[in-house]
N, C-alpha and C. Protein backbone atom coordinates (compact mmCIF):
# COMPACT_ATOMS: atom_id res chain seq x y z
N MET A 1 -88.31 45.17 -17.86
CA MET A 1 -89.68 43.93 -17.37
C MET A 1 -90.07 44.12 -16.15
N ILE A 2 -91.38 44.13 -15.74
CA ILE A 2 -92.45 44.59 -14.48
C ILE A 2 -93.28 42.80 -14.85
N VAL A 3 -93.44 42.60 -13.69
CA VAL A 3 -94.21 41.43 -13.18
C VAL A 3 -95.11 42.24 -11.39
N LYS A 4 -96.09 40.84 -11.36
CA LYS A 4 -97.03 41.42 -10.10
C LYS A 4 -96.82 39.63 -9.61
N LEU A 5 -96.98 39.34 -8.73
CA LEU A 5 -97.13 38.07 -8.14
C LEU A 5 -98.64 37.81 -8.39
N LYS A 6 -99.56 37.03 -9.05
CA LYS A 6 -101.26 37.10 -9.40
C LYS A 6 -101.34 36.66 -8.14
N LYS A 7 -101.06 35.67 -7.40
CA LYS A 7 -101.72 35.37 -5.82
C LYS A 7 -100.90 35.03 -5.10
N LYS A 8 -101.20 35.57 -3.35
CA LYS A 8 -100.54 34.93 -2.43
C LYS A 8 -100.01 33.67 -2.46
N SER A 9 -99.03 33.20 -1.89
CA SER A 9 -98.99 32.23 -1.36
C SER A 9 -97.71 31.81 0.06
N ALA A 10 -97.94 30.36 0.56
CA ALA A 10 -97.70 30.64 1.59
C ALA A 10 -95.79 29.78 0.49
N ARG A 11 -96.11 29.43 0.12
CA ARG A 11 -94.48 29.10 -0.58
C ARG A 11 -93.56 30.04 -1.31
N TYR A 12 -94.04 31.02 -1.71
CA TYR A 12 -93.15 32.06 -1.94
C TYR A 12 -93.90 33.63 -0.83
N ARG A 13 -93.12 33.34 0.29
CA ARG A 13 -93.55 33.95 1.15
C ARG A 13 -92.65 34.72 1.23
N ASP A 14 -91.84 35.43 0.52
CA ASP A 14 -90.49 36.61 0.05
C ASP A 14 -90.86 37.47 -0.52
N LEU A 15 -92.09 36.92 -0.86
CA LEU A 15 -92.88 37.68 -1.87
C LEU A 15 -94.09 38.28 -1.93
N THR A 16 -94.49 39.84 -2.47
CA THR A 16 -95.69 39.87 -1.56
C THR A 16 -96.66 40.74 -2.95
N PHE A 17 -98.50 39.98 -2.95
CA PHE A 17 -99.33 39.89 -3.49
C PHE A 17 -99.24 41.25 -4.32
N ALA A 18 -99.11 41.48 -5.44
CA ALA A 18 -99.32 42.42 -6.61
C ALA A 18 -98.69 43.32 -6.05
N GLN A 19 -97.72 43.33 -5.97
CA GLN A 19 -96.32 44.01 -5.58
C GLN A 19 -95.44 44.41 -6.75
N PRO A 20 -95.02 44.91 -7.82
CA PRO A 20 -94.35 45.57 -8.87
C PRO A 20 -92.48 44.64 -8.19
N TYR A 21 -92.69 43.99 -9.48
CA TYR A 21 -91.03 43.62 -9.24
C TYR A 21 -90.05 43.82 -10.60
N VAL A 22 -89.38 44.20 -10.37
CA VAL A 22 -88.52 44.19 -11.85
C VAL A 22 -88.19 43.16 -12.34
N VAL A 23 -87.88 42.65 -12.64
CA VAL A 23 -87.58 41.33 -13.68
C VAL A 23 -85.98 41.72 -13.71
N THR A 24 -84.43 41.03 -13.26
CA THR A 24 -82.95 41.39 -13.60
C THR A 24 -82.63 40.64 -14.50
N GLY A 25 -83.69 39.48 -14.74
CA GLY A 25 -82.99 39.01 -15.75
C GLY A 25 -83.97 37.43 -15.78
N ILE A 26 -83.69 37.76 -17.10
CA ILE A 26 -84.37 35.53 -17.18
C ILE A 26 -83.45 34.71 -17.63
N GLU A 27 -83.97 33.65 -17.65
CA GLU A 27 -82.83 32.47 -17.02
C GLU A 27 -83.14 31.22 -17.26
N ALA A 28 -83.18 30.14 -18.30
CA ALA A 28 -84.12 29.11 -18.74
C ALA A 28 -85.34 29.13 -19.07
N ASP A 29 -86.06 30.60 -18.91
CA ASP A 29 -87.34 30.87 -18.30
C ASP A 29 -87.94 31.46 -17.66
N ASP A 30 -87.22 31.32 -16.22
CA ASP A 30 -87.63 31.46 -15.40
C ASP A 30 -87.42 33.00 -14.71
N LEU A 31 -87.55 34.17 -14.56
CA LEU A 31 -87.60 35.52 -13.73
C LEU A 31 -86.75 35.57 -13.23
N ARG A 32 -85.83 35.87 -13.08
CA ARG A 32 -84.49 36.43 -12.30
C ARG A 32 -85.33 38.09 -11.30
N LEU A 33 -86.04 38.50 -10.37
CA LEU A 33 -85.84 39.20 -9.48
C LEU A 33 -85.80 39.74 -7.94
N LEU A 34 -85.59 40.56 -7.69
CA LEU A 34 -85.49 40.29 -5.95
C LEU A 34 -86.36 40.39 -5.32
N THR A 35 -86.16 39.70 -3.89
CA THR A 35 -87.16 39.51 -3.25
C THR A 35 -87.55 40.70 -2.36
N ASP A 36 -88.69 40.51 -1.41
CA ASP A 36 -89.12 41.30 -0.35
C ASP A 36 -87.60 42.19 0.57
N ALA A 37 -86.55 40.61 0.41
CA ALA A 37 -85.58 41.17 1.60
C ALA A 37 -83.92 41.96 0.94
N GLY A 38 -84.62 42.26 -1.15
CA GLY A 38 -83.37 41.86 -1.47
C GLY A 38 -82.82 40.76 -2.15
N ARG A 39 -82.70 39.87 -1.39
CA ARG A 39 -82.32 38.97 -2.98
C ARG A 39 -82.46 38.28 -3.86
N PRO A 40 -81.88 38.36 -5.01
CA PRO A 40 -81.52 37.98 -6.12
C PRO A 40 -82.36 36.51 -6.46
N PHE A 41 -83.50 36.23 -6.62
CA PHE A 41 -83.78 34.26 -6.38
C PHE A 41 -84.86 34.41 -8.22
N LEU A 42 -85.05 33.14 -8.42
CA LEU A 42 -85.25 32.79 -9.92
C LEU A 42 -86.38 32.34 -9.56
N TYR A 43 -87.51 32.43 -10.28
CA TYR A 43 -89.29 31.99 -9.78
C TYR A 43 -89.82 31.87 -11.54
N PRO A 44 -90.79 30.88 -11.28
CA PRO A 44 -91.62 30.49 -12.35
C PRO A 44 -92.30 31.58 -12.86
N PRO A 45 -92.31 31.95 -13.92
CA PRO A 45 -93.11 32.84 -15.01
C PRO A 45 -94.58 32.92 -14.64
N GLU A 46 -94.89 31.65 -14.33
CA GLU A 46 -96.67 31.17 -14.33
C GLU A 46 -96.82 31.67 -12.85
N LEU A 47 -96.20 32.47 -12.00
CA LEU A 47 -96.60 33.11 -11.13
C LEU A 47 -96.73 34.03 -11.11
N PHE A 48 -96.42 34.96 -11.82
CA PHE A 48 -96.55 36.84 -12.26
C PHE A 48 -97.33 37.10 -13.58
N SER A 49 -98.43 38.02 -13.71
CA SER A 49 -98.86 38.76 -14.28
C SER A 49 -98.10 39.40 -14.75
N LEU A 50 -97.86 40.10 -16.34
CA LEU A 50 -96.90 40.99 -16.71
C LEU A 50 -97.62 42.28 -16.69
N VAL A 51 -97.08 43.23 -16.13
CA VAL A 51 -97.14 44.80 -16.32
C VAL A 51 -95.99 45.34 -16.58
N ASP A 52 -95.91 44.99 -17.68
CA ASP A 52 -94.73 45.97 -18.76
C ASP A 52 -93.61 44.90 -19.29
N SER A 53 -94.13 44.33 -20.54
CA SER A 53 -92.70 43.23 -21.58
C SER A 53 -91.73 44.38 -21.77
N ARG A 54 -91.68 45.14 -21.78
CA ARG A 54 -90.04 45.83 -22.43
C ARG A 54 -89.16 45.59 -21.34
N GLU A 55 -88.13 44.90 -22.37
CA GLU A 55 -86.94 44.54 -21.70
C GLU A 55 -85.60 45.44 -21.65
N PRO A 56 -85.63 45.82 -21.04
CA PRO A 56 -84.37 46.96 -20.94
C PRO A 56 -83.62 46.59 -21.80
N VAL A 57 -83.44 48.13 -22.59
CA VAL A 57 -81.91 48.36 -23.66
C VAL A 57 -80.64 47.41 -23.67
N ASP A 58 -80.80 47.56 -22.54
CA ASP A 58 -79.39 47.03 -22.37
C ASP A 58 -79.04 45.25 -21.71
N TRP A 59 -80.38 44.31 -22.40
CA TRP A 59 -79.81 43.45 -22.24
C TRP A 59 -79.98 42.55 -23.74
N VAL A 60 -79.04 41.46 -23.40
CA VAL A 60 -78.68 40.77 -24.32
C VAL A 60 -80.08 39.72 -24.70
N THR A 61 -80.28 39.27 -25.28
CA THR A 61 -81.15 37.75 -25.24
C THR A 61 -81.17 37.01 -25.95
N GLN A 62 -80.76 35.63 -25.88
CA GLN A 62 -80.81 34.40 -26.86
C GLN A 62 -81.63 33.84 -26.58
N ARG A 63 -82.22 33.57 -27.56
CA ARG A 63 -83.72 32.90 -27.07
C ARG A 63 -83.55 30.83 -27.74
N SER A 64 -83.83 30.09 -27.78
CA SER A 64 -83.83 28.76 -28.77
C SER A 64 -84.71 27.96 -28.57
N LEU A 65 -84.97 27.08 -29.30
CA LEU A 65 -86.31 25.71 -29.08
C LEU A 65 -86.39 25.27 -27.19
N ARG A 66 -85.47 25.93 -26.18
CA ARG A 66 -85.93 24.68 -25.48
C ARG A 66 -86.11 26.51 -24.46
N CYS A 67 -85.33 27.37 -24.58
CA CYS A 67 -85.27 28.50 -23.03
C CYS A 67 -85.42 29.97 -23.53
N THR A 68 -85.10 30.46 -23.15
CA THR A 68 -84.93 32.11 -23.16
C THR A 68 -83.70 32.68 -22.16
N ILE A 69 -82.80 33.08 -22.34
CA ILE A 69 -82.08 33.89 -21.59
C ILE A 69 -81.29 35.38 -21.93
N ALA A 70 -81.70 36.15 -20.62
CA ALA A 70 -81.82 37.33 -21.21
C ALA A 70 -81.14 38.23 -19.85
N ALA A 71 -80.28 38.41 -20.13
CA ALA A 71 -79.73 39.85 -18.44
C ALA A 71 -78.86 40.71 -19.48
N PRO A 72 -78.75 42.19 -18.45
CA PRO A 72 -78.07 43.30 -18.90
C PRO A 72 -76.26 42.77 -19.28
N THR A 73 -75.59 43.18 -20.82
CA THR A 73 -74.62 43.04 -21.01
C THR A 73 -73.31 43.41 -19.95
N SER A 74 -73.24 43.55 -18.62
CA SER A 74 -72.25 43.29 -17.63
C SER A 74 -72.90 41.82 -17.26
N ARG A 75 -73.52 40.92 -17.31
CA ARG A 75 -73.88 40.46 -17.15
C ARG A 75 -72.74 38.82 -17.91
N THR A 76 -73.41 38.98 -18.97
CA THR A 76 -73.94 38.39 -20.34
C THR A 76 -71.95 37.83 -21.16
N HIS A 77 -70.87 38.12 -19.86
CA HIS A 77 -69.67 37.30 -20.20
C HIS A 77 -69.74 35.64 -20.13
N ILE A 78 -69.00 35.13 -20.23
CA ILE A 78 -68.90 33.40 -20.66
C ILE A 78 -68.80 33.11 -19.42
N GLY A 79 -70.18 32.31 -19.28
CA GLY A 79 -69.77 31.65 -17.43
C GLY A 79 -70.86 33.03 -16.50
N SER A 80 -70.94 34.18 -16.66
CA SER A 80 -72.26 34.30 -16.40
C SER A 80 -73.41 34.41 -16.45
N LEU A 81 -73.57 33.66 -17.63
CA LEU A 81 -75.19 33.52 -17.21
C LEU A 81 -75.51 32.38 -16.81
């Protein structure tokens, strides 16, 4: 899954406007991606436009009425999500 920041924001200085970011997981509907400094962080999905909605084939996805959690199978052991 690939997203781009919709607009430049002083609040999110660790992200670059219009730069594509690979989503490494979804936790409680927030998108986990690496910041420009290479650190993983969760962001609200409203900040981004979707470039490619395909989830990697190694992701395990759990959807409920309240939220979505998706991550690579290597991170889906109990307690790792």
